C-alpha atoms as a PDB file:
ATOM      1  CA  UNK A   1      13.232  16.367 -16.053  1.00  0.00           C
ATOM      2  CA  UNK A   2      16.104  15.495 -14.395  1.00  0.00           C
ATOM      3  CA  UNK A   3      14.055  14.379 -11.353  1.00  0.00           C
ATOM      4  CA  UNK A   4      12.002  12.237 -13.690  1.00  0.00           C
ATOM      5  CA  UNK A   5      15.238  10.567 -15.301  1.00  0.00           C
ATOM      6  CA  UNK A   6      16.893   9.549 -11.830  1.00  0.00           C
ATOM      7  CA  UNK A   7      13.277   8.117 -10.568  1.00  0.00           C
ATOM      8  CA  UNK A   8      13.628   6.248 -14.326  1.00  0.00           C
ATOM      9  CA  UNK A   9      17.213   4.975 -13.668  1.00  0.00           C
ATOM     10  CA  UNK A  10      16.667   3.941  -9.861  1.00  0.00           C
ATOM     11  CA  UNK A  11      13.093   1.800 -11.097  1.00  0.00           C
ATOM     12  CA  UNK A  12      15.493   0.259 -13.673  1.00  0.00           C
ATOM     13  CA  UNK A  13      18.085  -0.826 -11.259  1.00  0.00           C
ATOM     14  CA  UNK A  14      15.438  -2.311  -8.767  1.00  0.00           C
ATOM     15  CA  UNK A  15      13.886  -4.378 -11.250  1.00  0.00           C
ATOM     16  CA  UNK A  16      17.665  -5.667 -12.911  1.00  0.00           C
ATOM     17  CA  UNK A  17      18.021  -7.027  -9.482  1.00  0.00           C
ATOM     18  CA  UNK A  18      15.009  -9.179  -9.509  1.00  0.00           C
ATOM     19  CA  UNK A  19      15.270 -12.930 -10.398  1.00  0.00           C
ATOM     20  CA  UNK A  20      13.721 -14.156 -13.932  1.00  0.00           C
ATOM     21  CA  UNK A  21      10.752 -15.735 -11.681  1.00  0.00           C
ATOM     22  CA  UNK A  22       9.798 -12.584  -9.723  1.00  0.00           C
ATOM     23  CA  UNK A  23       6.787 -10.512 -11.102  1.00  0.00           C
ATOM     24  CA  UNK A  24       7.519  -7.142  -9.288  1.00  0.00           C
ATOM     25  CA  UNK A  25       6.511  -5.500 -11.998  1.00  0.00           C
ATOM     26  CA  UNK A  26       3.456  -7.055 -13.636  1.00  0.00           C
ATOM     27  CA  UNK A  27       0.170  -8.345 -12.183  1.00  0.00           C
ATOM     28  CA  UNK A  28       0.463 -12.561 -11.774  1.00  0.00           C
ATOM     29  CA  UNK A  29      -1.784 -14.922 -12.157  1.00  0.00           C
ATOM     30  CA  UNK A  30      -3.251 -15.265  -8.265  1.00  0.00           C
ATOM     31  CA  UNK A  31      -4.757 -19.083  -9.078  1.00  0.00           C
ATOM     32  CA  UNK A  32      -1.432 -20.288  -9.066  1.00  0.00           C
ATOM     33  CA  UNK A  33       0.683 -21.936  -6.367  1.00  0.00           C
ATOM     34  CA  UNK A  34       1.615 -20.469  -3.069  1.00  0.00           C
ATOM     35  CA  UNK A  35      -1.544 -17.895  -3.141  1.00  0.00           C
ATOM     36  CA  UNK A  36      -3.820 -17.571  -0.586  1.00  0.00           C
ATOM     37  CA  UNK A  37      -6.511 -15.473   0.523  1.00  0.00           C
ATOM     38  CA  UNK A  38      -5.439 -12.836   2.826  1.00  0.00           C
ATOM     39  CA  UNK A  39      -8.819 -13.234   5.141  1.00  0.00           C
ATOM     40  CA  UNK A  40     -11.500 -15.670   5.268  1.00  0.00           C
ATOM     41  CA  UNK A  41     -15.369 -15.125   4.136  1.00  0.00           C
ATOM     42  CA  UNK A  42     -16.181 -13.648   7.006  1.00  0.00           C
ATOM     43  CA  UNK A  43     -12.832 -12.156   8.112  1.00  0.00           C
ATOM     44  CA  UNK A  44     -12.765 -13.985  11.225  1.00  0.00           C
ATOM     45  CA  UNK A  45      -8.935 -14.340  11.005  1.00  0.00           C
ATOM     46  CA  UNK A  46      -8.587 -10.867  11.000  1.00  0.00           C
ATOM     47  CA  UNK A  47      -7.986  -8.062  13.731  1.00  0.00           C
ATOM     48  CA  UNK A  48     -10.219  -5.282  13.833  1.00  0.00           C
ATOM     49  CA  UNK A  49     -12.585  -3.334  15.887  1.00  0.00           C
ATOM     50  CA  UNK A  50     -15.698  -5.255  16.538  1.00  0.00           C
ATOM     51  CA  UNK A  51     -18.860  -4.051  13.978  1.00  0.00           C
ATOM     52  CA  UNK A  52     -17.068  -1.759  12.060  1.00  0.00           C
ATOM     53  CA  UNK A  53     -15.264  -4.178   8.988  1.00  0.00           C
ATOM     54  CA  UNK A  54     -17.753  -6.320   7.060  1.00  0.00           C
ATOM     55  CA  UNK A  55     -17.733  -8.846   4.093  1.00  0.00           C
ATOM     56  CA  UNK A  56     -20.589  -8.631   1.305  1.00  0.00           C
ATOM     57  CA  UNK A  57     -20.587 -10.821  -1.758  1.00  0.00           C
ATOM     58  CA  UNK A  58     -16.568 -10.879  -1.021  1.00  0.00           C
ATOM     59  CA  UNK A  59     -16.544  -6.917  -0.873  1.00  0.00           C
ATOM     60  CA  UNK A  60     -14.948  -5.563   2.306  1.00  0.00           C
ATOM     61  CA  UNK A  61     -15.785  -2.156   3.688  1.00  0.00           C
ATOM     62  CA  UNK A  62     -15.942  -0.624   6.874  1.00  0.00           C
ATOM     63  CA  UNK A  63     -18.136   2.028   8.749  1.00  0.00           C
ATOM     64  CA  UNK A  64     -15.367   3.820  10.369  1.00  0.00           C
ATOM     65  CA  UNK A  65     -11.639   5.294  10.099  1.00  0.00           C
ATOM     66  CA  UNK A  66      -9.875   2.160  11.989  1.00  0.00           C
ATOM     67  CA  UNK A  67      -7.824  -0.746  10.592  1.00  0.00           C
ATOM     68  CA  UNK A  68      -8.298  -4.362   9.398  1.00  0.00           C
ATOM     69  CA  UNK A  69      -5.346  -6.300   9.692  1.00  0.00           C
ATOM     70  CA  UNK A  70      -3.991  -9.825   9.001  1.00  0.00           C
ATOM     71  CA  UNK A  71      -3.306 -11.965  12.483  1.00  0.00           C
ATOM     72  CA  UNK A  72      -0.440 -13.441  10.307  1.00  0.00           C
ATOM     73  CA  UNK A  73       2.541 -11.671  10.316  1.00  0.00           C
ATOM     74  CA  UNK A  74       4.981 -11.491   6.956  1.00  0.00           C
ATOM     75  CA  UNK A  75       8.620 -10.897   5.996  1.00  0.00           C
ATOM     76  CA  UNK A  76       8.789 -11.230   2.081  1.00  0.00           C
ATOM     77  CA  UNK A  77       5.939 -11.219   0.099  1.00  0.00           C
ATOM     78  CA  UNK A  78       3.593 -10.120  -2.924  1.00  0.00           C
ATOM     79  CA  UNK A  79       0.149  -9.151  -1.993  1.00  0.00           C
ATOM     80  CA  UNK A  80      -2.377  -8.529  -4.811  1.00  0.00           C
ATOM     81  CA  UNK A  81      -6.081  -7.234  -4.622  1.00  0.00           C
ATOM     82  CA  UNK A  82      -8.418  -5.108  -6.030  1.00  0.00           C
ATOM     83  CA  UNK A  83      -9.746  -1.518  -4.621  1.00  0.00           C
ATOM     84  CA  UNK A  84     -12.855   0.783  -5.154  1.00  0.00           C
ATOM     85  CA  UNK A  85     -12.940   4.642  -4.759  1.00  0.00           C
ATOM     86  CA  UNK A  86     -16.335   6.673  -3.743  1.00  0.00           C
ATOM     87  CA  UNK A  87     -15.568  10.601  -4.464  1.00  0.00           C
ATOM     88  CA  UNK A  88     -13.110  11.734  -2.315  1.00  0.00           C
ATOM     89  CA  UNK A  89     -12.513   8.483  -1.078  1.00  0.00           C
ATOM     90  CA  UNK A  90      -8.496   8.344   1.471  1.00  0.00           C
ATOM     91  CA  UNK A  91      -6.882   5.404   2.479  1.00  0.00           C
ATOM     92  CA  UNK A  92      -4.295   3.219   2.279  1.00  0.00           C
ATOM     93  CA  UNK A  93      -2.574  -0.380   2.285  1.00  0.00           C
ATOM     94  CA  UNK A  94      -0.171  -0.665   5.422  1.00  0.00           C
ATOM     95  CA  UNK A  95       2.921  -2.977   4.845  1.00  0.00           C
ATOM     96  CA  UNK A  96       5.412  -4.315   8.019  1.00  0.00           C
ATOM     97  CA  UNK A  97       3.101  -3.176  10.844  1.00  0.00           C
ATOM     98  CA  UNK A  98       4.752  -4.207  13.926  1.00  0.00           C
ATOM     99  CA  UNK A  99       2.529  -2.054  16.576  1.00  0.00           C
ATOM    100  CA  UNK A 100      -1.017  -2.227  15.215  1.00  0.00           C
ATOM    101  CA  UNK A 101      -2.692  -0.577  18.023  1.00  0.00           C
ATOM    102  CA  UNK A 102      -5.237   2.510  17.452  1.00  0.00           C
ATOM    103  CA  UNK A 103      -2.397   5.099  18.518  1.00  0.00           C
ATOM    104  CA  UNK A 104       0.646   3.672  16.783  1.00  0.00           C
ATOM    105  CA  UNK A 105      -0.551   1.919  13.536  1.00  0.00           C
ATOM    106  CA  UNK A 106       0.603   4.797  11.118  1.00  0.00           C
ATOM    107  CA  UNK A 107       3.849   5.388  12.752  1.00  0.00           C
ATOM    108  CA  UNK A 108       5.249   1.538  12.780  1.00  0.00           C
ATOM    109  CA  UNK A 109       3.985   0.730   9.586  1.00  0.00           C
ATOM    110  CA  UNK A 110       4.815   1.976   5.430  1.00  0.00           C
ATOM    111  CA  UNK A 111       1.419   2.820   3.961  1.00  0.00           C
ATOM    112  CA  UNK A 112       1.020   2.691  -0.176  1.00  0.00           C
ATOM    113  CA  UNK A 113      -1.578   5.332  -0.568  1.00  0.00           C
ATOM    114  CA  UNK A 114      -5.142   4.721  -1.569  1.00  0.00           C
ATOM    115  CA  UNK A 115      -7.231   8.335  -3.180  1.00  0.00           C
ATOM    116  CA  UNK A 116      -9.762   9.892  -5.373  1.00  0.00           C
ATOM    117  CA  UNK A 117      -7.043  11.873  -7.236  1.00  0.00           C
ATOM    118  CA  UNK A 118      -9.699  13.455  -9.160  1.00  0.00           C
ATOM    119  CA  UNK A 119     -11.772  14.312  -6.626  1.00  0.00           C
ATOM    120  CA  UNK A 120     -11.282  18.376  -5.492  1.00  0.00           C
ATOM    121  CA  UNK A 121      -9.363  17.716  -2.149  1.00  0.00           C
ATOM    122  CA  UNK A 122      -6.934  14.882  -3.731  1.00  0.00           C
ATOM    123  CA  UNK A 123      -5.971  16.428  -6.752  1.00  0.00           C
ATOM    124  CA  UNK A 124      -4.293  19.397  -4.989  1.00  0.00           C
ATOM    125  CA  UNK A 125      -2.600  17.210  -2.511  1.00  0.00           C
ATOM    126  CA  UNK A 126       0.919  16.665  -2.523  1.00  0.00           C
ATOM    127  CA  UNK A 127       2.554  14.326  -4.792  1.00  0.00           C
ATOM    128  CA  UNK A 128       3.383  11.892  -2.248  1.00  0.00           C
ATOM    129  CA  UNK A 129      -0.533  12.070  -0.969  1.00  0.00           C
ATOM    130  CA  UNK A 130      -1.876  10.702  -4.094  1.00  0.00           C
ATOM    131  CA  UNK A 131      -2.978   7.475  -5.243  1.00  0.00           C
ATOM    132  CA  UNK A 132       0.609   4.719  -5.882  1.00  0.00           C
ATOM    133  CA  UNK A 133       2.743   6.859  -3.403  1.00  0.00           C
ATOM    134  CA  UNK A 134       4.803   5.437  -0.417  1.00  0.00           C
ATOM    135  CA  UNK A 135       2.493   7.807   1.619  1.00  0.00           C
ATOM    136  CA  UNK A 136       4.176  11.108   2.883  1.00  0.00           C
ATOM    137  CA  UNK A 137       7.517   9.997   0.968  1.00  0.00           C
ATOM    138  CA  UNK A 138       7.533   8.949  -2.595  1.00  0.00           C
ATOM    139  CA  UNK A 139       5.395  10.061  -5.518  1.00  0.00           C
ATOM    140  CA  UNK A 140       4.196   7.512  -7.888  1.00  0.00           C
ATOM    141  CA  UNK A 141       5.875   8.227 -11.381  1.00  0.00           C
ATOM    142  CA  UNK A 142       2.861   8.558 -13.612  1.00  0.00           C
ATOM    143  CA  UNK A 143      -1.187   8.438 -12.833  1.00  0.00           C
ATOM    144  CA  UNK A 144      -3.238   5.224 -13.207  1.00  0.00           C
ATOM    145  CA  UNK A 145      -5.572   4.950 -10.703  1.00  0.00           C
ATOM    146  CA  UNK A 146      -9.075   5.078 -12.440  1.00  0.00           C
ATOM    147  CA  UNK A 147     -11.727   7.282 -11.246  1.00  0.00           C
ATOM    148  CA  UNK A 148     -14.211   6.866  -8.088  1.00  0.00           C
ATOM    149  CA  UNK A 149     -16.644   3.941  -9.140  1.00  0.00           C
ATOM    150  CA  UNK A 150     -14.046   1.838 -10.972  1.00  0.00           C
ATOM    151  CA  UNK A 151     -12.342  -1.061  -9.174  1.00  0.00           C
ATOM    152  CA  UNK A 152      -8.622  -0.980  -9.674  1.00  0.00           C
ATOM    153  CA  UNK A 153      -5.795  -3.592  -9.124  1.00  0.00           C
ATOM    154  CA  UNK A 154      -2.320  -3.451  -6.773  1.00  0.00           C
ATOM    155  CA  UNK A 155       0.105  -5.785  -6.894  1.00  0.00           C
ATOM    156  CA  UNK A 156       2.508  -4.867  -4.190  1.00  0.00           C
ATOM    157  CA  UNK A 157       5.620  -6.856  -3.381  1.00  0.00           C
ATOM    158  CA  UNK A 158       7.745  -6.525  -0.603  1.00  0.00           C
ATOM    159  CA  UNK A 159      11.499  -7.856  -0.681  1.00  0.00           C
ATOM    160  CA  UNK A 160      13.471  -6.807   1.898  1.00  0.00           C
ATOM    161  CA  UNK A 161      13.649  -3.310   2.354  1.00  0.00           C
ATOM    162  CA  UNK A 162      12.357  -2.947  -0.899  1.00  0.00           C
ATOM    163  CA  UNK A 163       8.801  -2.303  -2.278  1.00  0.00           C
ATOM    164  CA  UNK A 164       7.369  -2.537  -5.850  1.00  0.00           C
ATOM    165  CA  UNK A 165       3.793  -1.270  -7.025  1.00  0.00           C
ATOM    166  CA  UNK A 166       1.662  -2.304  -9.910  1.00  0.00           C
ATOM    167  CA  UNK A 167      -1.163  -0.211 -10.445  1.00  0.00           C
ATOM    168  CA  UNK A 168      -3.576  -1.168 -13.117  1.00  0.00           C
ATOM    169  CA  UNK A 169      -0.983  -3.186 -15.025  1.00  0.00           C
ATOM    170  CA  UNK A 170       1.850  -0.521 -14.958  1.00  0.00           C
ATOM    171  CA  UNK A 171       5.051  -0.166 -12.368  1.00  0.00           C
ATOM    172  CA  UNK A 172       4.140   3.229 -10.762  1.00  0.00           C
ATOM    173  CA  UNK A 173       6.495   3.430  -7.590  1.00  0.00           C
ATOM    174  CA  UNK A 174       9.442   1.671  -6.514  1.00  0.00           C
ATOM    175  CA  UNK A 175      11.075   1.904  -3.243  1.00  0.00           C
ATOM    176  CA  UNK A 176      14.402   1.339  -1.053  1.00  0.00           C
ATOM    177  CA  UNK A 177      13.076   1.856   2.459  1.00  0.00           C
ATOM    178  CA  UNK A 178      17.154   1.724   3.620  1.00  0.00           C
ATOM    179  CA  UNK A 179      17.433   5.373   1.997  1.00  0.00           C
ATOM    180  CA  UNK A 180      15.208   6.849   4.047  1.00  0.00           C
ATOM    181  CA  UNK A 181      16.940   7.419   6.933  1.00  0.00           C
ATOM    182  CA  UNK A 182      15.399  10.733   8.946  1.00  0.00           C
ATOM    183  CA  UNK A 183      11.995  11.132  10.687  1.00  0.00           C
ATOM    184  CA  UNK A 184      11.858  14.644   9.191  1.00  0.00           C
ATOM    185  CA  UNK A 185      13.425  15.289   5.401  1.00  0.00           C
ATOM    186  CA  UNK A 186      12.674  12.617   2.786  1.00  0.00           C
ATOM    187  CA  UNK A 187      15.909  11.749   0.458  1.00  0.00           C
ATOM    188  CA  UNK A 188      14.354  14.616  -2.153  1.00  0.00           C
ATOM    189  CA  UNK A 189      14.485  17.279   0.641  1.00  0.00           C
ATOM    190  CA  UNK A 190      10.739  17.435   1.329  1.00  0.00           C
ATOM    191  CA  UNK A 191       9.090  17.124   4.280  1.00  0.00           C
ATOM    192  CA  UNK A 192       7.429  14.209   6.270  1.00  0.00           C
ATOM    193  CA  UNK A 193       4.513  14.425   7.631  1.00  0.00           C
ATOM    194  CA  UNK A 194       5.109  14.844  11.379  1.00  0.00           C
ATOM    195  CA  UNK A 195       2.999  11.470  12.226  1.00  0.00           C
ATOM    196  CA  UNK A 196       5.361   9.856  10.484  1.00  0.00           C
ATOM    197  CA  UNK A 197       7.897   9.812  13.456  1.00  0.00           C
ATOM    198  CA  UNK A 198      10.314   6.361  12.505  1.00  0.00           C
ATOM    199  CA  UNK A 199      12.449   6.524   9.739  1.00  0.00           C
ATOM    200  CA  UNK A 200      11.445   4.041   7.197  1.00  0.00           C
ATOM    201  CA  UNK A 201      14.950   2.441   7.316  1.00  0.00           C
ATOM    202  CA  UNK A 202      14.459   1.768  10.942  1.00  0.00           C
ATOM    203  CA  UNK A 203      11.124  -0.269  10.461  1.00  0.00           C
ATOM    204  CA  UNK A 204      10.858  -4.244  11.762  1.00  0.00           C
ATOM    205  CA  UNK A 205       9.962  -6.056   8.216  1.00  0.00           C
ATOM    206  CA  UNK A 206       8.264  -8.840  10.099  1.00  0.00           C
ATOM    207  CA  UNK A 207       4.893  -7.538  10.551  1.00  0.00           C
ATOM    208  CA  UNK A 208       1.055  -7.535   9.751  1.00  0.00           C
ATOM    209  CA  UNK A 209      -0.699  -6.290   6.984  1.00  0.00           C
ATOM    210  CA  UNK A 210      -3.336  -3.631   6.854  1.00  0.00           C
ATOM    211  CA  UNK A 211      -5.764  -1.443   5.498  1.00  0.00           C
ATOM    212  CA  UNK A 212      -7.820   1.593   6.506  1.00  0.00           C
ATOM    213  CA  UNK A 213     -11.086   1.958   6.791  1.00  0.00           C
ATOM    214  CA  UNK A 214     -13.926   5.351   6.386  1.00  0.00           C
ATOM    215  CA  UNK A 215     -11.442   7.621   6.619  1.00  0.00           C
ATOM    216  CA  UNK A 216     -12.845  11.690   6.808  1.00  0.00           C
ATOM    217  CA  UNK A 217     -16.174   9.994   5.826  1.00  0.00           C
ATOM    218  CA  UNK A 218     -15.423   8.161   2.563  1.00  0.00           C
ATOM    219  CA  UNK A 219     -16.028   4.902   2.077  1.00  0.00           C
ATOM    220  CA  UNK A 220     -13.299   1.974   0.310  1.00  0.00           C
ATOM    221  CA  UNK A 221     -14.179  -0.917  -0.997  1.00  0.00           C
ATOM    222  CA  UNK A 222     -11.580  -4.081  -1.263  1.00  0.00           C
ATOM    223  CA  UNK A 223     -12.154  -7.236  -2.888  1.00  0.00           C
ATOM    224  CA  UNK A 224     -10.017 -10.389  -4.304  1.00  0.00           C
ATOM    225  CA  UNK A 225      -6.905 -10.019  -1.333  1.00  0.00           C
ATOM    226  CA  UNK A 226      -4.198 -12.562  -1.938  1.00  0.00           C
ATOM    227  CA  UNK A 227      -0.805 -13.033  -0.548  1.00  0.00           C
ATOM    228  CA  UNK A 228       1.877 -15.114  -1.642  1.00  0.00           C
ATOM    229  CA  UNK A 229       5.014 -15.672   0.980  1.00  0.00           C
ATOM    230  CA  UNK A 230       8.594 -15.636  -0.672  1.00  0.00           C
ATOM    231  CA  UNK A 231      11.322 -17.631  -0.119  1.00  0.00           C
END
C-alpha cells in the first residue's frame, strides 16, 4: 500500500506540471493539427533490415526479431499507436534511440514494454517486464492491456526526461528518467537487467523512435502510428 501511495502521489506531481493544453494523460485526437504518420504506407521512410518488416492494409508486422526505426530523430513528442498481441507476444516501443545498430539499440534507448500479460510465460514475469512498464525499470500502476487478438491503444508522451504512458484509456505509468542514475539498481532497489548498461539519466533525448519485431517466435502487429512534436 505504501508503494502504491508513493507512486500515485508521484504520478499526480508529474501531471500537475503539465500545462492545460497538454494531453499526456488521455488519448488525443490524432486528426488535429500537428499530427503526422511516423511511417509512409510503404515503410520507405523507415530504417529496418531488408525483407523483415512489411505493411498490409495499414498493419505493420515483422518476420524476425529486428528493429523498425524512424529515420527522423525527435526530442519532445507525443506518440500514438495501436498494437495487437498474439498468444505470448513480447515486444516494445523504443524511445530516444541514439545508437540503433542491431548490437546496441536496446542499451541506447528506453523501452516501453509490450507483452501478452495473460500468457503463461509473461503473467509470471517481473512486474517491470509486463505491458506498459518502462522495461526493466518501472512497472505499471494497473493492468489494462487486452487479451491476445484484440487491438490496444498506446499514447506515449516524452517531454524532457519525463515519460507518460496511457494504455487503453488509462494513465498506467509515469517516469522521470533523471531519477534512474544507476546501471545496476532501480530507485526501488530492484535489479536492472544487465543488458541495460546505460543509466536512463544519461541517455541522450534526441533520437529515433523504434519498434521490436517477432521476438521469441511470437508476432506483433502495429497500426495507426502517429507522432506530434512538442514545442
